[in-house]
C-alpha cells in the first residue's frame, strides 16, 4: 500500500522549485534546502548552533553527525527490509547496540555533545536515537550519556511549547508499508 502523501509528492516534486527535489526540504525565504544533513547544518548556522572555532570541537561534531547519520541509515534499511525482516532484525539490533556503545562513550558526560554547548548535532542525535529507541527501548536506555543527551534536549525551555502542543508527534517514523513504522 502506497501512502497517498508519498504518491502526491512523487507526482509534484519536480514542479516544487527545488534544485534537488527530495524529502525533507526546507524553504526559508529565498533559501531552498534539501537533504537532512544540509538542512541541519543550515539551521545550525542560522541559529548559532555550530561548534565554533575550536578544531577539536568541530571535528567531534562532524564525526558524531556522520555516526548519527549512519545509525539512521541502518535503521531505515532494516525498517524497509523486503526479505526476512524478523530474521535480520536481531543482527541489526546487535550491531546498533555496539555503535551506540561507542557513541555513548565518545559523547561523554554531556549533557550535550560539546558538554554545555548545544549544537545542531545534538538535535540530530536526539532525533535518530529517539527513533531507534521506539524499536528497542531496553537497548537504548542502557546508555547513560545518550540518555542524558535525550533528556537535556527534551528539557530545553525553548522546546517546551512545541513538546506540549498538539503539533508534536512521535510517530509515525515511516510510512505504513514499512516493517516498522514507529506506531507499534
N, C-alpha and C. Protein backbone atom coordinates (compact mmCIF):
# COMPACT_ATOMS: atom_id res chain seq x y z
N UNK A 1 0.84 -1.18 0.00
CA UNK A 1 0.00 0.00 0.00
C UNK A 1 0.89 1.24 0.00
N UNK A 2 0.71 2.13 -0.94
CA UNK A 2 1.48 3.36 -1.03
C UNK A 2 0.68 4.49 -0.39
N UNK A 3 1.31 5.18 0.53
CA UNK A 3 0.67 6.30 1.20
C UNK A 3 0.33 7.38 0.18
N UNK A 4 -0.84 7.97 0.31
CA UNK A 4 -1.32 8.98 -0.64
C UNK A 4 -0.41 10.21 -0.68
N UNK A 5 0.14 10.60 0.48
CA UNK A 5 1.05 11.74 0.53
C UNK A 5 2.32 11.50 -0.27
N UNK A 6 2.86 10.27 -0.19
CA UNK A 6 4.05 9.94 -0.96
C UNK A 6 3.75 9.93 -2.45
N UNK A 7 2.59 9.45 -2.82
CA UNK A 7 2.22 9.44 -4.24
C UNK A 7 2.09 10.87 -4.75
N UNK A 8 1.46 11.72 -3.97
CA UNK A 8 1.31 13.12 -4.36
C UNK A 8 2.68 13.79 -4.52
N UNK A 9 3.60 13.53 -3.57
CA UNK A 9 4.94 14.10 -3.66
C UNK A 9 5.65 13.61 -4.92
N UNK A 10 5.55 12.33 -5.22
CA UNK A 10 6.19 11.79 -6.42
C UNK A 10 5.67 12.48 -7.68
N UNK A 11 4.39 12.82 -7.68
CA UNK A 11 3.80 13.49 -8.83
C UNK A 11 4.21 14.97 -8.93
N UNK A 12 4.46 15.61 -7.79
CA UNK A 12 4.68 17.06 -7.76
C UNK A 12 6.11 17.50 -7.53
N UNK A 13 7.00 16.62 -7.12
CA UNK A 13 8.31 17.06 -6.65
C UNK A 13 9.13 17.81 -7.69
N UNK A 14 9.01 17.47 -8.94
CA UNK A 14 9.81 18.16 -9.96
C UNK A 14 9.21 19.51 -10.34
N UNK A 15 8.04 19.80 -9.82
CA UNK A 15 7.41 21.10 -10.03
C UNK A 15 7.56 21.98 -8.78
N UNK A 16 8.30 21.51 -7.78
CA UNK A 16 8.37 22.19 -6.48
C UNK A 16 9.28 23.42 -6.47
N UNK A 17 10.12 23.58 -7.48
CA UNK A 17 11.05 24.70 -7.49
C UNK A 17 12.33 24.41 -6.71
N UNK A 18 12.49 23.19 -6.23
CA UNK A 18 13.69 22.79 -5.52
C UNK A 18 14.75 22.35 -6.52
N UNK A 19 16.00 22.75 -6.30
CA UNK A 19 17.07 22.37 -7.21
C UNK A 19 17.30 20.87 -7.24
N UNK A 20 17.26 20.24 -6.07
CA UNK A 20 17.43 18.79 -5.94
C UNK A 20 16.23 18.27 -5.15
N UNK A 21 15.08 18.09 -5.80
CA UNK A 21 13.86 17.71 -5.08
C UNK A 21 14.04 16.44 -4.25
N UNK A 22 13.71 16.55 -2.99
CA UNK A 22 13.83 15.42 -2.09
C UNK A 22 13.09 15.75 -0.80
N UNK A 23 12.83 14.74 -0.02
CA UNK A 23 12.28 14.90 1.31
C UNK A 23 13.36 14.54 2.30
N UNK A 24 13.52 15.29 3.36
CA UNK A 24 12.81 16.51 3.69
C UNK A 24 13.34 17.69 2.89
N UNK A 25 12.58 18.77 2.93
CA UNK A 25 13.06 20.02 2.34
C UNK A 25 12.65 21.16 3.25
N UNK A 26 13.36 22.30 3.08
CA UNK A 26 13.09 23.49 3.86
C UNK A 26 13.15 24.68 2.93
N UNK A 27 12.14 25.51 2.99
CA UNK A 27 12.15 26.77 2.25
C UNK A 27 12.10 27.88 3.29
N UNK A 28 13.14 28.71 3.29
CA UNK A 28 13.27 29.80 4.24
C UNK A 28 13.54 31.06 3.43
N UNK A 29 12.47 31.77 3.05
CA UNK A 29 12.61 32.92 2.15
C UNK A 29 13.09 32.45 0.80
N UNK A 30 14.22 32.97 0.36
CA UNK A 30 14.75 32.56 -0.94
C UNK A 30 15.75 31.41 -0.82
N UNK A 31 15.93 30.88 0.37
CA UNK A 31 16.81 29.73 0.60
C UNK A 31 15.96 28.47 0.51
N UNK A 32 16.37 27.55 -0.36
CA UNK A 32 15.70 26.25 -0.51
C UNK A 32 16.72 25.16 -0.29
N UNK A 33 16.48 24.34 0.71
CA UNK A 33 17.44 23.32 1.11
C UNK A 33 16.76 21.95 1.10
N UNK A 34 17.44 20.97 0.51
CA UNK A 34 17.01 19.58 0.61
C UNK A 34 18.15 18.78 1.24
N UNK A 35 17.84 17.59 1.67
CA UNK A 35 18.77 16.67 2.32
C UNK A 35 18.85 16.98 3.82
N UNK A 36 18.68 15.96 4.62
CA UNK A 36 18.61 16.10 6.07
C UNK A 36 19.82 16.81 6.66
N UNK A 37 21.01 16.35 6.34
CA UNK A 37 22.20 16.94 6.94
C UNK A 37 22.38 18.39 6.50
N UNK A 38 22.12 18.68 5.24
CA UNK A 38 22.23 20.06 4.75
C UNK A 38 21.25 20.97 5.49
N UNK A 39 20.05 20.48 5.74
CA UNK A 39 19.06 21.26 6.49
C UNK A 39 19.54 21.49 7.92
N UNK A 40 20.04 20.45 8.55
CA UNK A 40 20.54 20.59 9.93
C UNK A 40 21.68 21.59 10.00
N UNK A 41 22.61 21.51 9.06
CA UNK A 41 23.74 22.44 9.05
C UNK A 41 23.25 23.87 8.81
N UNK A 42 22.33 24.05 7.88
CA UNK A 42 21.78 25.39 7.61
C UNK A 42 21.15 25.98 8.86
N UNK A 43 20.28 25.19 9.50
CA UNK A 43 19.61 25.67 10.70
C UNK A 43 20.60 25.92 11.84
N UNK A 44 21.62 25.08 11.92
CA UNK A 44 22.66 25.29 12.92
C UNK A 44 23.36 26.63 12.75
N UNK A 45 23.70 26.96 11.50
CA UNK A 45 24.34 28.26 11.24
C UNK A 45 23.36 29.41 11.52
N UNK A 46 22.14 29.24 11.07
CA UNK A 46 21.14 30.30 11.22
C UNK A 46 20.89 30.64 12.69
N UNK A 47 20.87 29.63 13.54
CA UNK A 47 20.52 29.85 14.94
C UNK A 47 21.72 29.77 15.89
N UNK A 48 22.93 29.83 15.33
CA UNK A 48 24.13 29.86 16.18
C UNK A 48 24.39 28.57 16.92
N UNK A 49 24.03 27.45 16.31
CA UNK A 49 24.21 26.15 16.95
C UNK A 49 25.32 25.35 16.28
N UNK A 50 26.39 26.03 15.93
CA UNK A 50 27.55 25.37 15.32
C UNK A 50 28.66 25.27 16.36
N UNK A 51 29.59 24.35 16.15
CA UNK A 51 30.61 24.10 17.17
C UNK A 51 31.51 25.28 17.51
N UNK A 52 31.78 26.20 16.62
CA UNK A 52 32.65 27.33 16.93
C UNK A 52 33.96 27.24 16.18
N UNK A 53 35.02 27.80 16.77
CA UNK A 53 36.32 27.89 16.11
C UNK A 53 37.32 26.82 16.55
N UNK A 54 37.02 26.11 17.60
CA UNK A 54 37.94 25.10 18.11
C UNK A 54 37.89 23.86 17.20
N UNK A 55 39.02 23.56 16.56
CA UNK A 55 39.05 22.47 15.57
C UNK A 55 38.68 21.12 16.19
N UNK A 56 39.06 20.88 17.43
CA UNK A 56 38.69 19.61 18.09
C UNK A 56 37.18 19.50 18.25
N UNK A 57 36.53 20.59 18.63
CA UNK A 57 35.07 20.59 18.77
C UNK A 57 34.39 20.39 17.42
N UNK A 58 34.90 21.06 16.41
CA UNK A 58 34.33 20.93 15.06
C UNK A 58 34.44 19.50 14.59
N UNK A 59 35.61 18.91 14.74
CA UNK A 59 35.82 17.52 14.29
C UNK A 59 34.93 16.57 15.09
N UNK A 60 34.84 16.77 16.40
CA UNK A 60 33.98 15.90 17.22
C UNK A 60 32.53 15.97 16.72
N UNK A 61 32.04 17.17 16.48
CA UNK A 61 30.67 17.33 15.99
C UNK A 61 30.49 16.69 14.61
N UNK A 62 31.45 16.90 13.73
CA UNK A 62 31.33 16.31 12.39
C UNK A 62 31.34 14.79 12.44
N UNK A 63 32.18 14.22 13.29
CA UNK A 63 32.23 12.76 13.40
C UNK A 63 30.92 12.21 13.98
N UNK A 64 30.41 12.87 15.02
CA UNK A 64 29.16 12.40 15.62
C UNK A 64 27.99 12.62 14.66
N UNK A 65 28.01 13.72 13.92
CA UNK A 65 26.98 13.96 12.90
C UNK A 65 26.91 12.79 11.93
N UNK A 66 28.07 12.37 11.45
CA UNK A 66 28.09 11.28 10.47
C UNK A 66 27.77 9.93 11.10
N UNK A 67 28.19 9.73 12.34
CA UNK A 67 27.84 8.49 13.05
C UNK A 67 26.33 8.42 13.26
N UNK A 68 25.74 9.55 13.64
CA UNK A 68 24.28 9.60 13.82
C UNK A 68 23.59 9.32 12.49
N UNK A 69 24.11 9.89 11.42
CA UNK A 69 23.52 9.65 10.11
C UNK A 69 23.64 8.18 9.71
N UNK A 70 24.78 7.56 10.02
CA UNK A 70 24.93 6.11 9.75
C UNK A 70 23.92 5.29 10.55
N UNK A 71 23.70 5.68 11.81
CA UNK A 71 22.70 4.99 12.63
C UNK A 71 21.32 5.08 11.98
N UNK A 72 20.98 6.25 11.51
CA UNK A 72 19.68 6.47 10.87
C UNK A 72 19.56 5.67 9.58
N UNK A 73 20.64 5.63 8.79
CA UNK A 73 20.61 4.88 7.54
C UNK A 73 20.39 3.39 7.80
N UNK A 74 21.11 2.83 8.77
CA UNK A 74 20.95 1.41 9.10
C UNK A 74 19.55 1.14 9.64
N UNK A 75 19.04 2.06 10.45
CA UNK A 75 17.69 1.91 11.00
C UNK A 75 16.65 1.91 9.88
N UNK A 76 16.78 2.84 8.96
CA UNK A 76 15.84 2.91 7.83
C UNK A 76 15.92 1.65 7.00
N UNK A 77 17.12 1.18 6.77
CA UNK A 77 17.31 -0.04 5.95
C UNK A 77 16.58 -1.23 6.57
N UNK A 78 16.72 -1.45 7.87
CA UNK A 78 16.05 -2.59 8.49
C UNK A 78 14.54 -2.38 8.50
N UNK A 79 14.10 -1.15 8.68
CA UNK A 79 12.66 -0.89 8.71
C UNK A 79 11.99 -1.17 7.37
N UNK A 80 12.74 -1.04 6.30
CA UNK A 80 12.19 -1.29 4.96
C UNK A 80 12.69 -2.60 4.36
N UNK A 81 13.31 -3.45 5.17
CA UNK A 81 13.84 -4.73 4.69
C UNK A 81 12.74 -5.53 4.00
N UNK A 82 13.00 -5.92 2.77
CA UNK A 82 11.99 -6.64 1.99
C UNK A 82 12.04 -8.15 2.21
N UNK A 83 13.21 -8.67 2.54
CA UNK A 83 13.36 -10.11 2.70
C UNK A 83 13.80 -10.45 4.12
N UNK A 84 12.96 -11.13 4.85
CA UNK A 84 13.30 -11.66 6.16
C UNK A 84 13.61 -10.59 7.21
N UNK A 85 12.72 -9.65 7.34
CA UNK A 85 12.87 -8.59 8.35
C UNK A 85 13.09 -9.18 9.75
N UNK A 86 12.24 -10.10 10.16
CA UNK A 86 12.35 -10.68 11.51
C UNK A 86 13.65 -11.45 11.68
N UNK A 87 14.12 -12.10 10.63
CA UNK A 87 15.38 -12.84 10.70
C UNK A 87 16.60 -11.94 10.77
N UNK A 88 16.55 -10.79 10.12
CA UNK A 88 17.69 -9.87 10.08
C UNK A 88 17.69 -8.86 11.23
N UNK A 89 16.56 -8.68 11.85
CA UNK A 89 16.44 -7.69 12.92
C UNK A 89 17.38 -7.94 14.10
N UNK A 90 17.56 -9.18 14.60
CA UNK A 90 18.48 -9.38 15.73
C UNK A 90 19.93 -8.95 15.43
N UNK A 91 20.42 -9.24 14.22
CA UNK A 91 21.78 -8.83 13.86
C UNK A 91 21.86 -7.31 13.78
N UNK A 92 20.81 -6.68 13.24
CA UNK A 92 20.78 -5.22 13.21
C UNK A 92 20.86 -4.66 14.62
N UNK A 93 20.03 -5.18 15.53
CA UNK A 93 19.99 -4.67 16.90
C UNK A 93 21.34 -4.85 17.61
N UNK A 94 22.00 -5.98 17.39
CA UNK A 94 23.31 -6.20 18.00
C UNK A 94 24.34 -5.20 17.47
N UNK A 95 24.36 -4.99 16.15
CA UNK A 95 25.28 -4.04 15.55
C UNK A 95 24.98 -2.61 16.00
N UNK A 96 23.70 -2.28 16.06
CA UNK A 96 23.28 -0.96 16.50
C UNK A 96 23.71 -0.72 17.95
N UNK A 97 23.59 -1.73 18.77
CA UNK A 97 23.96 -1.59 20.17
C UNK A 97 25.46 -1.31 20.31
N UNK A 98 26.28 -1.96 19.50
CA UNK A 98 27.73 -1.71 19.53
C UNK A 98 28.04 -0.29 19.08
N UNK A 99 27.34 0.19 18.05
CA UNK A 99 27.55 1.57 17.58
C UNK A 99 27.11 2.56 18.65
N UNK A 100 25.98 2.30 19.30
CA UNK A 100 25.51 3.19 20.36
C UNK A 100 26.48 3.21 21.54
N UNK A 101 27.08 2.07 21.83
CA UNK A 101 28.05 2.00 22.92
C UNK A 101 29.25 2.90 22.64
N UNK A 102 29.77 2.85 21.41
CA UNK A 102 30.89 3.72 21.03
C UNK A 102 30.47 5.19 21.09
N UNK A 103 29.29 5.49 20.55
CA UNK A 103 28.80 6.87 20.54
C UNK A 103 28.60 7.39 21.96
N UNK A 104 28.03 6.57 22.81
CA UNK A 104 27.80 6.94 24.20
C UNK A 104 29.11 7.30 24.90
N UNK A 105 30.13 6.50 24.67
CA UNK A 105 31.43 6.74 25.28
C UNK A 105 32.05 8.02 24.73
N UNK A 106 31.97 8.22 23.44
CA UNK A 106 32.59 9.38 22.80
C UNK A 106 31.90 10.69 23.18
N UNK A 107 30.58 10.65 23.31
CA UNK A 107 29.84 11.85 23.72
C UNK A 107 30.27 12.28 25.12
N UNK A 108 30.43 11.34 26.02
CA UNK A 108 30.85 11.68 27.38
C UNK A 108 29.70 12.16 28.23
N UNK A 109 30.05 12.85 29.32
CA UNK A 109 29.08 13.25 30.35
C UNK A 109 28.05 14.27 29.91
N UNK A 110 28.39 15.04 28.87
CA UNK A 110 27.44 15.99 28.33
C UNK A 110 27.12 17.15 29.25
N UNK A 111 25.90 17.59 29.22
CA UNK A 111 24.74 16.86 28.71
C UNK A 111 24.65 16.81 27.19
N UNK A 112 25.41 17.67 26.51
CA UNK A 112 25.37 17.69 25.05
C UNK A 112 26.68 17.16 24.49
N UNK A 113 26.76 17.06 23.18
CA UNK A 113 27.95 16.56 22.51
C UNK A 113 29.19 17.35 22.93
N UNK A 114 29.05 18.67 23.05
CA UNK A 114 30.16 19.53 23.47
C UNK A 114 29.99 20.01 24.91
N UNK A 115 29.54 19.13 25.77
CA UNK A 115 29.35 19.50 27.17
C UNK A 115 28.13 20.38 27.35
N UNK A 116 28.35 21.61 27.76
CA UNK A 116 27.24 22.54 27.99
C UNK A 116 26.80 23.27 26.73
N UNK A 117 27.59 23.22 25.65
CA UNK A 117 27.25 23.94 24.42
C UNK A 117 26.33 23.11 23.54
N UNK A 118 25.16 23.63 23.26
CA UNK A 118 24.17 23.00 22.39
C UNK A 118 24.54 23.26 20.93
N UNK A 119 24.52 22.21 20.10
CA UNK A 119 24.78 22.35 18.67
C UNK A 119 23.69 21.63 17.89
N UNK A 120 23.66 21.87 16.59
CA UNK A 120 22.69 21.19 15.73
C UNK A 120 22.88 19.68 15.77
N UNK A 121 24.10 19.22 16.06
CA UNK A 121 24.38 17.78 16.11
C UNK A 121 23.60 17.13 17.25
N UNK A 122 23.39 17.84 18.33
CA UNK A 122 22.59 17.31 19.44
C UNK A 122 21.17 16.98 18.98
N UNK A 123 20.62 17.82 18.11
CA UNK A 123 19.27 17.56 17.59
C UNK A 123 19.25 16.36 16.67
N UNK A 124 20.32 16.18 15.88
CA UNK A 124 20.40 15.00 15.02
C UNK A 124 20.48 13.73 15.86
N UNK A 125 21.35 13.74 16.86
CA UNK A 125 21.47 12.57 17.74
C UNK A 125 20.14 12.32 18.43
N UNK A 126 19.52 13.37 18.91
CA UNK A 126 18.23 13.23 19.59
C UNK A 126 17.20 12.55 18.68
N UNK A 127 17.05 13.08 17.48
CA UNK A 127 16.04 12.52 16.57
C UNK A 127 16.32 11.07 16.23
N UNK A 128 17.53 10.78 15.81
CA UNK A 128 17.83 9.44 15.33
C UNK A 128 17.82 8.41 16.45
N UNK A 129 18.39 8.75 17.60
CA UNK A 129 18.41 7.80 18.71
C UNK A 129 17.00 7.62 19.28
N UNK A 130 16.20 8.67 19.30
CA UNK A 130 14.81 8.55 19.76
C UNK A 130 14.01 7.61 18.87
N UNK A 131 14.27 7.67 17.58
CA UNK A 131 13.57 6.78 16.66
C UNK A 131 13.98 5.32 16.88
N UNK A 132 15.27 5.09 17.04
CA UNK A 132 15.75 3.73 17.32
C UNK A 132 15.20 3.24 18.65
N UNK A 133 15.10 4.15 19.60
CA UNK A 133 14.57 3.81 20.93
C UNK A 133 13.14 3.27 20.85
N UNK A 134 12.36 3.74 19.88
CA UNK A 134 10.99 3.24 19.73
C UNK A 134 10.99 1.75 19.39
N UNK A 135 12.01 1.31 18.65
CA UNK A 135 12.11 -0.09 18.28
C UNK A 135 12.71 -0.93 19.41
N UNK A 136 13.72 -0.39 20.09
CA UNK A 136 14.46 -1.17 21.08
C UNK A 136 14.77 -0.34 22.32
N UNK A 137 13.73 0.05 23.08
CA UNK A 137 13.96 0.92 24.24
C UNK A 137 14.90 0.32 25.28
N UNK A 138 14.81 -0.98 25.50
CA UNK A 138 15.65 -1.61 26.52
C UNK A 138 17.14 -1.53 26.17
N UNK A 139 17.45 -1.53 24.89
CA UNK A 139 18.85 -1.44 24.47
C UNK A 139 19.34 0.01 24.53
N UNK A 140 18.54 0.94 24.05
CA UNK A 140 18.95 2.34 24.01
C UNK A 140 19.03 2.91 25.44
N UNK A 141 18.10 2.55 26.29
CA UNK A 141 18.05 3.12 27.63
C UNK A 141 19.21 2.68 28.51
N UNK A 142 19.99 1.71 28.08
CA UNK A 142 21.13 1.27 28.88
C UNK A 142 22.33 2.21 28.75
N UNK A 143 22.26 3.19 27.86
CA UNK A 143 23.38 4.11 27.63
C UNK A 143 23.12 5.44 28.34
N UNK A 144 23.84 5.66 29.42
CA UNK A 144 23.59 6.80 30.30
C UNK A 144 23.87 8.14 29.62
N UNK A 145 24.96 8.26 28.89
CA UNK A 145 25.30 9.54 28.27
C UNK A 145 24.30 9.90 27.18
N UNK A 146 23.91 8.93 26.38
CA UNK A 146 22.89 9.19 25.37
C UNK A 146 21.56 9.54 26.03
N UNK A 147 21.23 8.84 27.11
CA UNK A 147 20.01 9.15 27.85
C UNK A 147 20.03 10.56 28.40
N UNK A 148 21.19 10.98 28.89
CA UNK A 148 21.33 12.35 29.42
C UNK A 148 21.13 13.37 28.30
N UNK A 149 21.69 13.09 27.11
CA UNK A 149 21.52 14.00 25.98
C UNK A 149 20.04 14.08 25.57
N UNK A 150 19.38 12.93 25.47
CA UNK A 150 17.96 12.93 25.10
C UNK A 150 17.14 13.75 26.09
N UNK A 151 17.40 13.55 27.36
CA UNK A 151 16.66 14.27 28.39
C UNK A 151 16.95 15.78 28.33
N UNK A 152 18.22 16.13 28.11
CA UNK A 152 18.59 17.55 28.05
C UNK A 152 17.89 18.25 26.89
N UNK A 153 17.79 17.60 25.75
CA UNK A 153 17.09 18.20 24.61
C UNK A 153 15.60 18.33 24.95
N UNK A 154 15.02 17.29 25.51
CA UNK A 154 13.60 17.33 25.85
C UNK A 154 13.28 18.42 26.88
N UNK A 155 14.25 18.78 27.70
CA UNK A 155 14.02 19.78 28.74
C UNK A 155 14.40 21.20 28.34
N UNK A 156 14.83 21.39 27.09
CA UNK A 156 15.17 22.74 26.64
C UNK A 156 13.93 23.63 26.75
N UNK A 157 14.03 24.75 27.47
CA UNK A 157 12.87 25.63 27.63
C UNK A 157 12.29 26.11 26.30
N UNK A 158 13.16 26.30 25.30
CA UNK A 158 12.71 26.79 24.00
C UNK A 158 11.82 25.77 23.28
N UNK A 159 11.84 24.52 23.69
CA UNK A 159 11.06 23.47 23.01
C UNK A 159 9.81 23.05 23.78
N UNK A 160 9.64 23.56 24.99
CA UNK A 160 8.53 23.09 25.83
C UNK A 160 7.16 23.35 25.20
N UNK A 161 6.97 24.53 24.61
CA UNK A 161 5.69 24.81 23.97
C UNK A 161 5.42 23.82 22.85
N UNK A 162 6.46 23.51 22.08
CA UNK A 162 6.29 22.55 20.97
C UNK A 162 5.98 21.15 21.51
N UNK A 163 6.78 20.67 22.47
CA UNK A 163 6.56 19.33 23.00
C UNK A 163 5.18 19.19 23.64
N UNK A 164 4.64 20.28 24.14
CA UNK A 164 3.33 20.23 24.80
C UNK A 164 2.17 20.59 23.88
N UNK A 165 2.45 20.83 22.61
CA UNK A 165 1.38 21.21 21.68
C UNK A 165 0.84 19.98 20.96
N UNK A 166 -0.32 20.16 20.36
CA UNK A 166 -0.89 19.05 19.58
C UNK A 166 -0.16 18.85 18.25
N UNK A 167 0.71 19.78 17.88
CA UNK A 167 1.53 19.61 16.68
C UNK A 167 2.63 18.58 16.88
N UNK A 168 3.05 18.38 18.12
CA UNK A 168 4.14 17.45 18.41
C UNK A 168 3.65 16.01 18.27
N UNK A 169 4.34 15.27 17.43
CA UNK A 169 4.01 13.86 17.19
C UNK A 169 5.28 13.04 17.33
N UNK A 170 5.14 11.86 17.88
CA UNK A 170 6.29 10.96 18.00
C UNK A 170 6.28 9.90 16.91
N UNK A 171 5.29 9.88 16.10
CA UNK A 171 5.21 8.90 15.02
C UNK A 171 4.05 9.24 14.12
N UNK A 172 3.97 8.62 13.00
CA UNK A 172 4.85 7.54 12.56
C UNK A 172 6.21 8.07 12.09
N UNK A 173 7.19 7.18 12.15
CA UNK A 173 8.52 7.47 11.66
C UNK A 173 8.59 7.16 10.16
N UNK A 174 7.96 6.05 9.80
CA UNK A 174 7.98 5.57 8.42
C UNK A 174 6.54 5.36 7.94
N UNK A 175 6.36 5.28 6.62
CA UNK A 175 5.02 5.09 6.07
C UNK A 175 4.46 3.70 6.40
N UNK A 176 3.17 3.52 6.17
CA UNK A 176 2.50 2.27 6.57
C UNK A 176 3.06 1.01 5.93
N UNK A 177 3.74 1.11 4.81
CA UNK A 177 4.26 -0.09 4.15
C UNK A 177 5.62 -0.53 4.70
N UNK A 178 6.17 0.19 5.66
CA UNK A 178 7.44 -0.21 6.30
C UNK A 178 7.18 -1.35 7.29
N UNK A 179 8.20 -2.14 7.57
CA UNK A 179 8.08 -3.20 8.58
C UNK A 179 7.92 -2.61 9.98
N UNK A 180 8.57 -1.47 10.19
CA UNK A 180 8.46 -0.78 11.49
C UNK A 180 8.12 0.66 11.19
N UNK A 181 6.97 1.11 11.66
CA UNK A 181 6.52 2.48 11.38
C UNK A 181 6.76 3.44 12.55
N UNK A 182 6.98 2.86 13.74
CA UNK A 182 7.12 3.69 14.93
C UNK A 182 5.82 3.85 15.69
N UNK A 183 4.78 3.24 15.18
CA UNK A 183 3.48 3.28 15.87
C UNK A 183 3.18 1.98 16.59
N UNK A 184 4.07 1.01 16.45
CA UNK A 184 3.83 -0.31 17.04
C UNK A 184 3.79 -0.22 18.55
